Amino acid sequence: MSFSKSTLAYPDIKDYFEQAMESDRGIKIICADQKAATMYKHRINYFRVLHRKDNQKLYPEDHALHGRSPYDIFVVKQQGHEILLEKMILNPMKTEVL
């Protein structure tokens, strides 16, 4: 199965990412079964690929979003029939100058 090459074909995915952006840690999407979750996970990741390509055309090279997506801050995980869109929260360790 091939996916549409237009981000306009993924309004549901965009809505989920927007909900996740507004949350503290992310969201959980509950699918009918594991097979549906796997397909949906692929759609989510492909949407981000398309979004990066669109932004590469839209923004100049020196712009922060050139070739990037604001949704890149999310880790997409599948747990059975559930998909998690979790914000990457980096907790850097203490650093010292040598």
C-alpha atoms as a PDB file:
ATOM      1  CA  MET A   1       0.000   0.000   0.000  1.00  0.00           C
ATOM      2  CA  SER A   2       1.325   3.414  -0.890  1.00  0.00           C
ATOM      3  CA  PHE A   3       0.551   6.627   0.896  1.00  0.00           C
ATOM      4  CA  SER A   4      -0.474   9.971  -0.570  1.00  0.00           C
ATOM      5  CA  LYS A   5       2.414  12.359  -1.193  1.00  0.00           C
ATOM      6  CA  SER A   6       0.440  15.373   0.016  1.00  0.00           C
ATOM      7  CA  THR A   7       0.278  16.478   3.633  1.00  0.00           C
ATOM      8  CA  LEU A   8      -3.322  17.511   2.919  1.00  0.00           C
ATOM      9  CA  ALA A   9      -4.237  13.815   2.926  1.00  0.00           C
ATOM     10  CA  TYR A  10      -3.336  13.565   6.624  1.00  0.00           C
ATOM     11  CA  PRO A  11      -5.575  16.037   8.509  1.00  0.00           C
ATOM     12  CA  ASP A  12      -6.105  13.486  11.287  1.00  0.00           C
ATOM     13  CA  ILE A  13      -2.365  13.097  11.822  1.00  0.00           C
ATOM     14  CA  LYS A  14      -1.849  16.858  11.902  1.00  0.00           C
ATOM     15  CA  ASP A  15      -4.634  17.168  14.490  1.00  0.00           C
ATOM     16  CA  TYR A  16      -3.000  14.520  16.674  1.00  0.00           C
ATOM     17  CA  PHE A  17       0.344  16.299  16.487  1.00  0.00           C
ATOM     18  CA  GLU A  18      -1.302  19.608  17.386  1.00  0.00           C
ATOM     19  CA  GLN A  19      -2.978  17.985  20.410  1.00  0.00           C
ATOM     20  CA  ALA A  20       0.361  16.510  21.432  1.00  0.00           C
ATOM     21  CA  MET A  21       2.091  19.905  21.055  1.00  0.00           C
ATOM     22  CA  GLU A  22      -0.387  21.440  23.484  1.00  0.00           C
ATOM     23  CA  SER A  23       0.101  18.678  26.052  1.00  0.00           C
ATOM     24  CA  ASP A  24       2.868  18.432  28.618  1.00  0.00           C
ATOM     25  CA  ARG A  25       4.203  15.012  27.600  1.00  0.00           C
ATOM     26  CA  GLY A  26       2.274  13.861  24.530  1.00  0.00           C
ATOM     27  CA  ILE A  27      -0.806  11.809  23.689  1.00  0.00           C
ATOM     28  CA  LYS A  28      -1.944   8.217  23.241  1.00  0.00           C
ATOM     29  CA  ILE A  29      -3.887   7.093  20.161  1.00  0.00           C
ATOM     30  CA  ILE A  30      -5.921   3.922  20.662  1.00  0.00           C
ATOM     31  CA  CYS A  31      -6.473   1.895  17.501  1.00  0.00           C
ATOM     32  CA  ALA A  32      -8.832  -1.007  16.840  1.00  0.00           C
ATOM     33  CA  ASP A  33      -6.030  -3.600  16.843  1.00  0.00           C
ATOM     34  CA  GLN A  34      -2.278  -4.006  16.491  1.00  0.00           C
ATOM     35  CA  LYS A  35      -2.390  -4.206  12.689  1.00  0.00           C
ATOM     36  CA  ALA A  36      -4.289  -0.902  12.501  1.00  0.00           C
ATOM     37  CA  ALA A  37      -1.824   0.669  14.942  1.00  0.00           C
ATOM     38  CA  THR A  38       1.124  -0.433  12.810  1.00  0.00           C
ATOM     39  CA  MET A  39      -0.427   1.091   9.688  1.00  0.00           C
ATOM     40  CA  TYR A  40      -1.248   4.293  11.549  1.00  0.00           C
ATOM     41  CA  LYS A  41       2.291   4.525  12.918  1.00  0.00           C
ATOM     42  CA  HIS A  42       3.607   4.360   9.335  1.00  0.00           C
ATOM     43  CA  ARG A  43       1.203   7.115   8.288  1.00  0.00           C
ATOM     44  CA  ILE A  44       2.362   9.276  11.202  1.00  0.00           C
ATOM     45  CA  ASN A  45       6.021   8.886  10.296  1.00  0.00           C
ATOM     46  CA  TYR A  46       5.369   9.414   6.589  1.00  0.00           C
ATOM     47  CA  PHE A  47       3.443  12.609   7.348  1.00  0.00           C
ATOM     48  CA  ARG A  48       6.553  13.951   9.106  1.00  0.00           C
ATOM     49  CA  VAL A  49       8.709  13.030   6.100  1.00  0.00           C
ATOM     50  CA  LEU A  50       6.353  14.969   3.817  1.00  0.00           C
ATOM     51  CA  HIS A  51       6.194  17.881   6.258  1.00  0.00           C
ATOM     52  CA  ARG A  52      10.005  18.147   6.250  1.00  0.00           C
ATOM     53  CA  LYS A  53      10.037  18.110   2.430  1.00  0.00           C
ATOM     54  CA  ASP A  54       7.375  20.820   2.306  1.00  0.00           C
ATOM     55  CA  ASN A  55       9.328  22.936   4.771  1.00  0.00           C
ATOM     56  CA  GLN A  56      12.498  22.482   2.738  1.00  0.00           C
ATOM     57  CA  LYS A  57      10.723  24.112  -0.199  1.00  0.00           C
ATOM     58  CA  LEU A  58       8.928  26.717   1.920  1.00  0.00           C
ATOM     59  CA  TYR A  59      11.762  28.037   4.098  1.00  0.00           C
ATOM     60  CA  PRO A  60      15.189  29.343   3.096  1.00  0.00           C
ATOM     61  CA  GLU A  61      18.251  27.286   4.073  1.00  0.00           C
ATOM     62  CA  ASP A  62      19.125  29.533   7.004  1.00  0.00           C
ATOM     63  CA  HIS A  63      15.670  29.129   8.598  1.00  0.00           C
ATOM     64  CA  ALA A  64      15.273  26.778  11.580  1.00  0.00           C
ATOM     65  CA  LEU A  65      12.450  24.865   9.873  1.00  0.00           C
ATOM     66  CA  HIS A  66      14.218  24.330   6.536  1.00  0.00           C
ATOM     67  CA  GLY A  67      14.012  20.559   6.032  1.00  0.00           C
ATOM     68  CA  ARG A  68      12.626  20.072   9.523  1.00  0.00           C
ATOM     69  CA  SER A  69       9.244  19.668  11.127  1.00  0.00           C
ATOM     70  CA  PRO A  70       8.114  21.106  14.449  1.00  0.00           C
ATOM     71  CA  TYR A  71       6.773  17.588  15.069  1.00  0.00           C
ATOM     72  CA  ASP A  72      10.304  16.167  15.117  1.00  0.00           C
ATOM     73  CA  ILE A  73      10.301  16.687  18.878  1.00  0.00           C
ATOM     74  CA  PHE A  74       8.089  13.604  19.205  1.00  0.00           C
ATOM     75  CA  VAL A  75       9.049   9.975  19.548  1.00  0.00           C
ATOM     76  CA  VAL A  76       6.434   7.704  17.977  1.00  0.00           C
ATOM     77  CA  LYS A  77       6.072   4.426  19.861  1.00  0.00           C
ATOM     78  CA  GLN A  78       3.714   1.542  19.353  1.00  0.00           C
ATOM     79  CA  GLN A  79       2.553  -0.570  22.272  1.00  0.00           C
ATOM     80  CA  GLY A  80       0.205  -3.229  20.954  1.00  0.00           C
ATOM     81  CA  HIS A  81      -2.864  -1.442  19.620  1.00  0.00           C
ATOM     82  CA  GLU A  82      -1.803   1.934  21.049  1.00  0.00           C
ATOM     83  CA  ILE A  83       0.447   4.608  19.590  1.00  0.00           C
ATOM     84  CA  LEU A  84       2.213   7.111  21.786  1.00  0.00           C
ATOM     85  CA  LEU A  85       3.345  10.508  20.586  1.00  0.00           C
ATOM     86  CA  GLU A  86       5.786  11.406  23.334  1.00  0.00           C
ATOM     87  CA  LYS A  87       7.729  14.620  23.570  1.00  0.00           C
ATOM     88  CA  MET A  88      11.450  14.064  23.762  1.00  0.00           C
ATOM     89  CA  ILE A  89      12.515  15.509  27.057  1.00  0.00           C
ATOM     90  CA  LEU A  90      16.248  15.712  27.311  1.00  0.00           C
ATOM     91  CA  ASN A  91      17.704  15.870  30.773  1.00  0.00           C
ATOM     92  CA  PRO A  92      21.335  16.692  30.229  1.00  0.00           C
ATOM     93  CA  MET A  93      23.773  15.462  32.775  1.00  0.00           C
ATOM     94  CA  LYS A  94      26.040  17.864  34.545  1.00  0.00           C
ATOM     95  CA  THR A  95      28.965  18.956  32.428  1.00  0.00           C
ATOM     96  CA  GLU A  96      32.331  20.353  33.470  1.00  0.00           C
ATOM     97  CA  VAL A  97      34.937  22.202  31.508  1.00  0.00           C
ATOM     98  CA  LEU A  98      38.204  20.268  31.249  1.00  0.00           C
END
